[in-house]
Amino acid sequence: MPFLPAYPGVYHQKAAEKFAAFFHGRPGVEAILLVNSCARGKASPDSCLDLAVILTPAAFKQARSVFENDWAAFYQREPVFADLEKSGLYANIEPYFCDGSFTPSEHSHTSGPDEFELEIGNLLAYSFPLWQGSDRLERLKSEWLPYYSDALRLERLKMVRKYCLNNLNHVEPFARRGLYFQCFNRFYDAYREFLQALFITHRIYPIAYDKWIREQIVEILGMPYLYEILPHLFEIQHFESLEIVDKAQALRALVEEYTAV
């Protein structure tokens, strides 16, 4: 679905413009992107300002620290950034430097979902270019959008489902031992892995697994009926009980229904 970038106020806009002016045209910089909430027109005055700089592989490998150090010094001496910080509770700039190389990160039995799809989605599918010095961004989009290969998708889906179901399998044994906080941790990881598997199933990149859930499920995936179910998974009356076992069974049913291989 289309997104329109929008700043929540003049301080965010001025800071973004100053950031882009600092990096554009520098050797090794291929594109400057507005990402996350501002890129989708969802930011508030308290939101941080997320910006990404795509570097050439050589610049990223050899001079990334130089870019980061130069930026840190520039940030400290420019009053526009101090104005931004004063304008909202968490209003500051969060820069992200990358070389446009996407590889699956580590995913283990207790790590929760990895960030592979999140990185691609937020950098390529949901970003807004502030400046481009080459066709690198368009080449990356042609490679990774609308989605990565079916072979990799199937591999990723099987992997995520495996870890999701493994977490759910641990809920009841831990609950019967009275390890309720560990139960919740496993359940929450399984829930986020379910979201990861759901997006992989639909060949759509996610935004996050811990926020913007209504937007993603209802507006992006077009599944309002599923969203109506999700909040109830966390409605537990007695934390130190076996209620979470029932919730795990309900989540398992969703995994099998909506992410079948």
Protein backbone atom coordinates (compact mmCIF):
# COMPACT_ATOMS: atom_id res chain seq x y z
CA MET A 1 0.00 0.00 0.00
CA PRO A 2 1.26 3.56 -0.66
CA PHE A 3 2.66 5.65 2.17
CA LEU A 4 3.11 9.40 2.36
CA PRO A 5 6.03 10.77 4.38
CA ALA A 6 5.19 13.48 6.88
CA TYR A 7 7.07 15.21 9.67
CA PRO A 8 5.24 15.79 12.97
CA GLY A 9 6.63 19.31 13.19
CA VAL A 10 9.08 21.82 11.83
CA TYR A 11 11.92 20.64 14.11
CA HIS A 12 11.88 17.14 12.64
CA GLN A 13 11.81 18.52 9.11
CA LYS A 14 14.67 20.97 9.65
CA ALA A 15 16.79 18.30 11.30
CA ALA A 16 16.18 15.89 8.42
CA GLU A 17 17.12 18.54 5.89
CA LYS A 18 20.31 19.37 7.80
CA PHE A 19 21.20 15.67 8.01
CA ALA A 20 20.69 15.19 4.27
CA ALA A 21 22.72 18.31 3.46
CA PHE A 22 25.60 17.01 5.59
CA PHE A 23 25.85 13.65 3.84
CA HIS A 24 24.73 14.25 0.27
CA GLY A 25 27.51 14.24 -2.29
CA ARG A 26 30.13 12.84 0.10
CA PRO A 27 32.30 10.12 -1.51
CA GLY A 28 30.84 6.70 -0.83
CA VAL A 29 27.31 7.93 -0.05
CA GLU A 30 24.79 6.52 -2.52
CA ALA A 31 21.46 7.42 -0.93
CA ILE A 32 19.94 9.11 2.11
CA LEU A 33 16.58 7.78 3.28
CA LEU A 34 13.86 8.81 5.67
CA VAL A 35 12.72 5.60 7.39
CA ASN A 36 10.28 4.28 9.98
CA SER A 37 7.45 6.45 11.37
CA CYS A 38 8.17 9.71 9.55
CA ALA A 39 8.54 7.88 6.25
CA ARG A 40 5.01 6.49 6.68
CA GLY A 41 3.50 9.70 8.06
CA LYS A 42 2.91 8.10 11.47
CA ALA A 43 5.32 10.04 13.72
CA SER A 44 4.38 12.20 16.69
CA PRO A 45 6.32 15.18 18.12
CA ASP A 46 7.85 12.75 20.65
CA SER A 47 9.11 10.39 17.92
CA CYS A 48 12.76 9.99 17.08
CA LEU A 49 13.85 10.87 13.56
CA ASP A 50 15.13 7.76 11.80
CA LEU A 51 17.42 8.27 8.81
CA ALA A 52 19.48 5.79 6.81
CA VAL A 53 22.62 6.32 4.76
CA ILE A 54 23.42 3.75 2.09
CA LEU A 55 27.16 3.56 1.50
CA THR A 56 29.12 1.77 -1.18
CA PRO A 57 30.45 -1.58 0.10
CA ALA A 58 33.99 -0.17 0.07
CA ALA A 59 33.03 2.92 2.05
CA PHE A 60 31.04 0.88 4.52
CA LYS A 61 33.92 -1.49 5.12
CA GLN A 62 36.72 1.04 5.24
CA ALA A 63 35.20 4.32 6.38
CA ARG A 64 31.96 3.66 8.23
CA SER A 65 33.51 4.75 11.52
CA VAL A 66 34.68 7.97 9.87
CA PHE A 67 31.15 8.77 8.74
CA GLU A 68 29.80 8.00 12.21
CA ASN A 69 32.45 10.12 13.96
CA ASP A 70 32.02 13.04 11.57
CA TRP A 71 28.27 12.89 12.07
CA ALA A 72 28.57 12.75 15.87
CA ALA A 73 30.75 15.88 15.89
CA PHE A 74 28.41 17.70 13.50
CA TYR A 75 25.40 16.75 15.62
CA GLN A 76 26.92 18.25 18.74
CA ARG A 77 27.70 21.63 17.20
CA GLU A 78 24.53 22.27 15.19
CA PRO A 79 21.74 24.03 17.15
CA VAL A 80 18.99 22.57 14.95
CA PHE A 81 19.54 19.18 16.58
CA ALA A 82 19.38 20.64 20.07
CA ASP A 83 16.08 22.26 19.05
CA LEU A 84 14.82 18.86 17.90
CA GLU A 85 15.69 17.23 21.22
CA LYS A 86 13.82 19.93 23.12
CA SER A 87 10.72 19.56 20.94
CA GLY A 88 9.66 16.10 22.10
CA LEU A 89 10.24 13.41 24.68
CA TYR A 90 12.32 11.12 22.44
CA ALA A 91 12.95 13.53 19.59
CA ASN A 92 16.48 12.97 18.36
CA ILE A 93 18.14 11.55 15.28
CA GLU A 94 18.78 7.82 14.99
CA PRO A 95 21.16 7.36 12.00
CA TYR A 96 21.60 3.97 10.37
CA PHE A 97 24.57 3.26 8.10
CA CYS A 98 24.49 0.27 5.76
CA ASP A 99 25.91 -1.03 2.50
CA GLY A 100 22.66 -2.48 1.15
CA SER A 101 23.76 -6.05 1.81
CA PHE A 102 21.01 -8.19 3.35
CA THR A 103 21.80 -11.57 4.87
CA PRO A 104 19.70 -13.60 7.32
CA SER A 105 20.84 -12.95 10.87
CA GLU A 106 21.09 -15.45 13.70
CA HIS A 107 17.86 -17.02 14.89
CA SER A 108 18.00 -19.45 17.78
CA HIS A 109 15.64 -21.28 20.12
CA THR A 110 15.56 -18.38 22.59
CA SER A 111 16.36 -15.29 20.51
CA GLY A 112 12.91 -14.47 19.20
CA PRO A 113 12.52 -13.39 15.56
CA ASP A 114 15.55 -12.20 13.61
CA GLU A 115 15.54 -8.91 11.69
CA PHE A 116 16.12 -10.04 8.11
CA GLU A 117 12.68 -9.12 6.75
CA LEU A 118 12.47 -6.03 8.97
CA GLU A 119 15.70 -4.60 7.56
CA ILE A 120 14.64 -5.08 3.95
CA GLY A 121 11.15 -3.77 4.54
CA ASN A 122 12.06 -0.63 6.45
CA LEU A 123 14.98 0.26 4.19
CA LEU A 124 13.42 -0.51 0.80
CA ALA A 125 9.65 -1.00 1.00
CA TYR A 126 8.67 1.67 3.53
CA SER A 127 11.39 4.31 3.14
CA PHE A 128 11.39 7.69 1.41
CA PRO A 129 14.53 8.92 -0.43
CA LEU A 130 15.79 12.36 0.58
CA TRP A 131 18.74 12.23 -1.82
CA GLN A 132 20.22 9.75 -4.32
CA GLY A 133 23.67 9.95 -5.79
CA SER A 134 23.43 6.82 -7.93
CA ASP A 135 20.95 4.19 -9.06
CA ARG A 136 21.94 1.88 -6.19
CA LEU A 137 18.65 2.25 -4.34
CA GLU A 138 16.65 1.38 -7.45
CA ARG A 139 18.87 -1.62 -8.10
CA LEU A 140 18.34 -2.85 -4.54
CA LYS A 141 14.60 -2.45 -4.91
CA SER A 142 14.58 -4.39 -8.17
CA GLU A 143 16.50 -7.18 -6.44
CA TRP A 144 14.45 -7.43 -3.23
CA LEU A 145 10.99 -6.09 -4.10
CA PRO A 146 8.25 -7.09 -4.14
CA TYR A 147 9.82 -10.02 -2.23
CA TYR A 148 12.80 -12.31 -2.19
CA SER A 149 12.94 -15.68 -3.98
CA ASP A 150 10.41 -18.46 -3.39
CA ALA A 151 13.18 -20.88 -2.47
CA LEU A 152 14.48 -18.61 0.27
CA ARG A 153 10.94 -17.82 1.36
CA LEU A 154 10.13 -21.50 1.91
CA GLU A 155 13.39 -22.03 3.77
CA ARG A 156 12.73 -19.04 5.99
CA LEU A 157 9.13 -20.02 6.67
CA LYS A 158 10.06 -23.53 7.77
CA MET A 159 12.78 -22.17 10.03
CA VAL A 160 10.59 -19.55 11.70
CA ARG A 161 7.75 -22.03 12.25
CA LYS A 162 10.17 -24.47 13.84
CA TYR A 163 11.34 -21.95 16.42
CA CYS A 164 7.82 -20.64 16.99
CA LEU A 165 6.42 -24.09 17.72
CA ASN A 166 9.43 -24.94 19.86
CA ASN A 167 8.69 -21.92 22.06
CA LEU A 168 5.04 -22.94 22.34
CA ASN A 169 6.07 -26.48 23.27
CA HIS A 170 7.93 -25.09 26.28
CA VAL A 171 5.00 -23.14 27.72
CA GLU A 172 3.11 -25.95 29.48
CA PRO A 173 6.15 -27.69 31.05
CA PHE A 174 7.38 -24.36 32.42
CA ALA A 175 3.91 -23.44 33.68
CA ARG A 176 3.59 -26.71 35.58
CA ARG A 177 6.94 -25.94 37.23
CA GLY A 178 5.68 -22.52 38.28
CA LEU A 179 8.07 -20.67 35.95
CA TYR A 180 5.44 -18.20 34.84
CA PHE A 181 7.71 -15.38 33.70
CA GLN A 182 9.65 -17.81 31.52
CA CYS A 183 6.32 -19.05 30.16
CA PHE A 184 5.39 -15.52 29.17
CA ASN A 185 8.81 -14.93 27.61
CA ARG A 186 8.46 -18.06 25.48
CA PHE A 187 4.89 -17.18 24.59
CA TYR A 188 5.77 -13.63 23.55
CA ASP A 189 8.69 -14.85 21.42
CA ALA A 190 6.35 -17.36 19.77
CA TYR A 191 3.80 -14.62 19.12
CA ARG A 192 6.41 -12.43 17.41
CA GLU A 193 7.65 -15.42 15.40
CA PHE A 194 4.05 -16.06 14.36
CA LEU A 195 3.92 -12.51 12.98
CA GLN A 196 7.21 -13.09 11.19
CA ALA A 197 5.90 -16.32 9.65
CA LEU A 198 2.61 -14.62 8.75
CA PHE A 199 4.35 -11.94 6.71
CA ILE A 200 6.63 -14.49 5.06
CA THR A 201 3.56 -16.54 4.12
CA HIS A 202 2.00 -13.52 2.43
CA ARG A 203 5.25 -12.38 0.77
CA ILE A 204 5.01 -8.96 2.36
CA TYR A 205 7.70 -7.23 4.39
CA PRO A 206 6.83 -6.26 7.99
CA ILE A 207 7.50 -3.01 9.82
CA ALA A 208 7.95 -4.38 13.35
CA TYR A 209 6.84 -7.29 15.53
CA ASP A 210 6.25 -5.28 18.70
CA LYS A 211 4.47 -2.12 17.49
CA TRP A 212 2.19 -0.89 14.71
CA ILE A 213 0.45 -4.26 14.90
CA ARG A 214 -3.01 -2.99 14.01
CA GLU A 215 -1.64 -1.03 11.05
CA GLN A 216 0.26 -4.02 9.76
CA ILE A 217 -2.43 -6.67 10.20
CA VAL A 218 -5.43 -4.56 9.20
CA GLU A 219 -4.04 -2.10 6.64
CA ILE A 220 -1.04 -3.88 5.12
CA LEU A 221 -2.15 -7.52 5.24
CA GLY A 222 -5.86 -6.70 5.00
CA MET A 223 -6.78 -9.14 7.80
CA PRO A 224 -8.96 -7.25 10.32
CA TYR A 225 -10.56 -10.51 11.45
CA LEU A 226 -7.17 -11.82 12.56
CA TYR A 227 -6.31 -8.62 14.40
CA GLU A 228 -9.49 -8.94 16.47
CA ILE A 229 -8.11 -12.21 17.84
CA LEU A 230 -4.56 -11.12 18.69
CA PRO A 231 -5.11 -8.77 21.68
CA HIS A 232 -7.14 -11.46 23.46
CA LEU A 233 -4.09 -13.72 23.50
CA PHE A 234 -2.61 -11.45 26.18
CA GLU A 235 -5.72 -11.12 28.33
CA ILE A 236 -4.70 -13.28 31.29
CA GLN A 237 -6.63 -12.86 34.51
CA HIS A 238 -4.28 -14.79 36.79
CA PHE A 239 -0.63 -14.66 35.81
CA GLU A 240 0.44 -17.48 38.15
CA SER A 241 -1.88 -20.07 36.66
CA LEU A 242 -2.22 -22.40 33.69
CA GLU A 243 -4.17 -19.80 31.70
CA ILE A 244 -1.14 -19.16 29.51
CA VAL A 245 -1.20 -22.81 28.45
CA ASP A 246 -4.62 -22.20 26.88
CA LYS A 247 -3.29 -19.06 25.23
CA ALA A 248 -0.38 -21.05 23.81
CA GLN A 249 -2.80 -23.58 22.37
CA ALA A 250 -4.83 -20.78 20.78
CA LEU A 251 -1.67 -19.31 19.25
CA ARG A 252 -0.62 -22.72 17.98
CA ALA A 253 -3.97 -23.00 16.17
CA LEU A 254 -3.29 -19.63 14.49
CA VAL A 255 0.17 -20.77 13.44
CA GLU A 256 -1.25 -23.88 11.80
CA GLU A 257 -4.14 -22.03 10.18
CA TYR A 258 -2.34 -18.99 8.81
CA THR A 259 1.25 -20.11 8.18
CA ALA A 260 0.95 -23.66 6.90
CA VAL A 261 3.88 -24.74 4.72
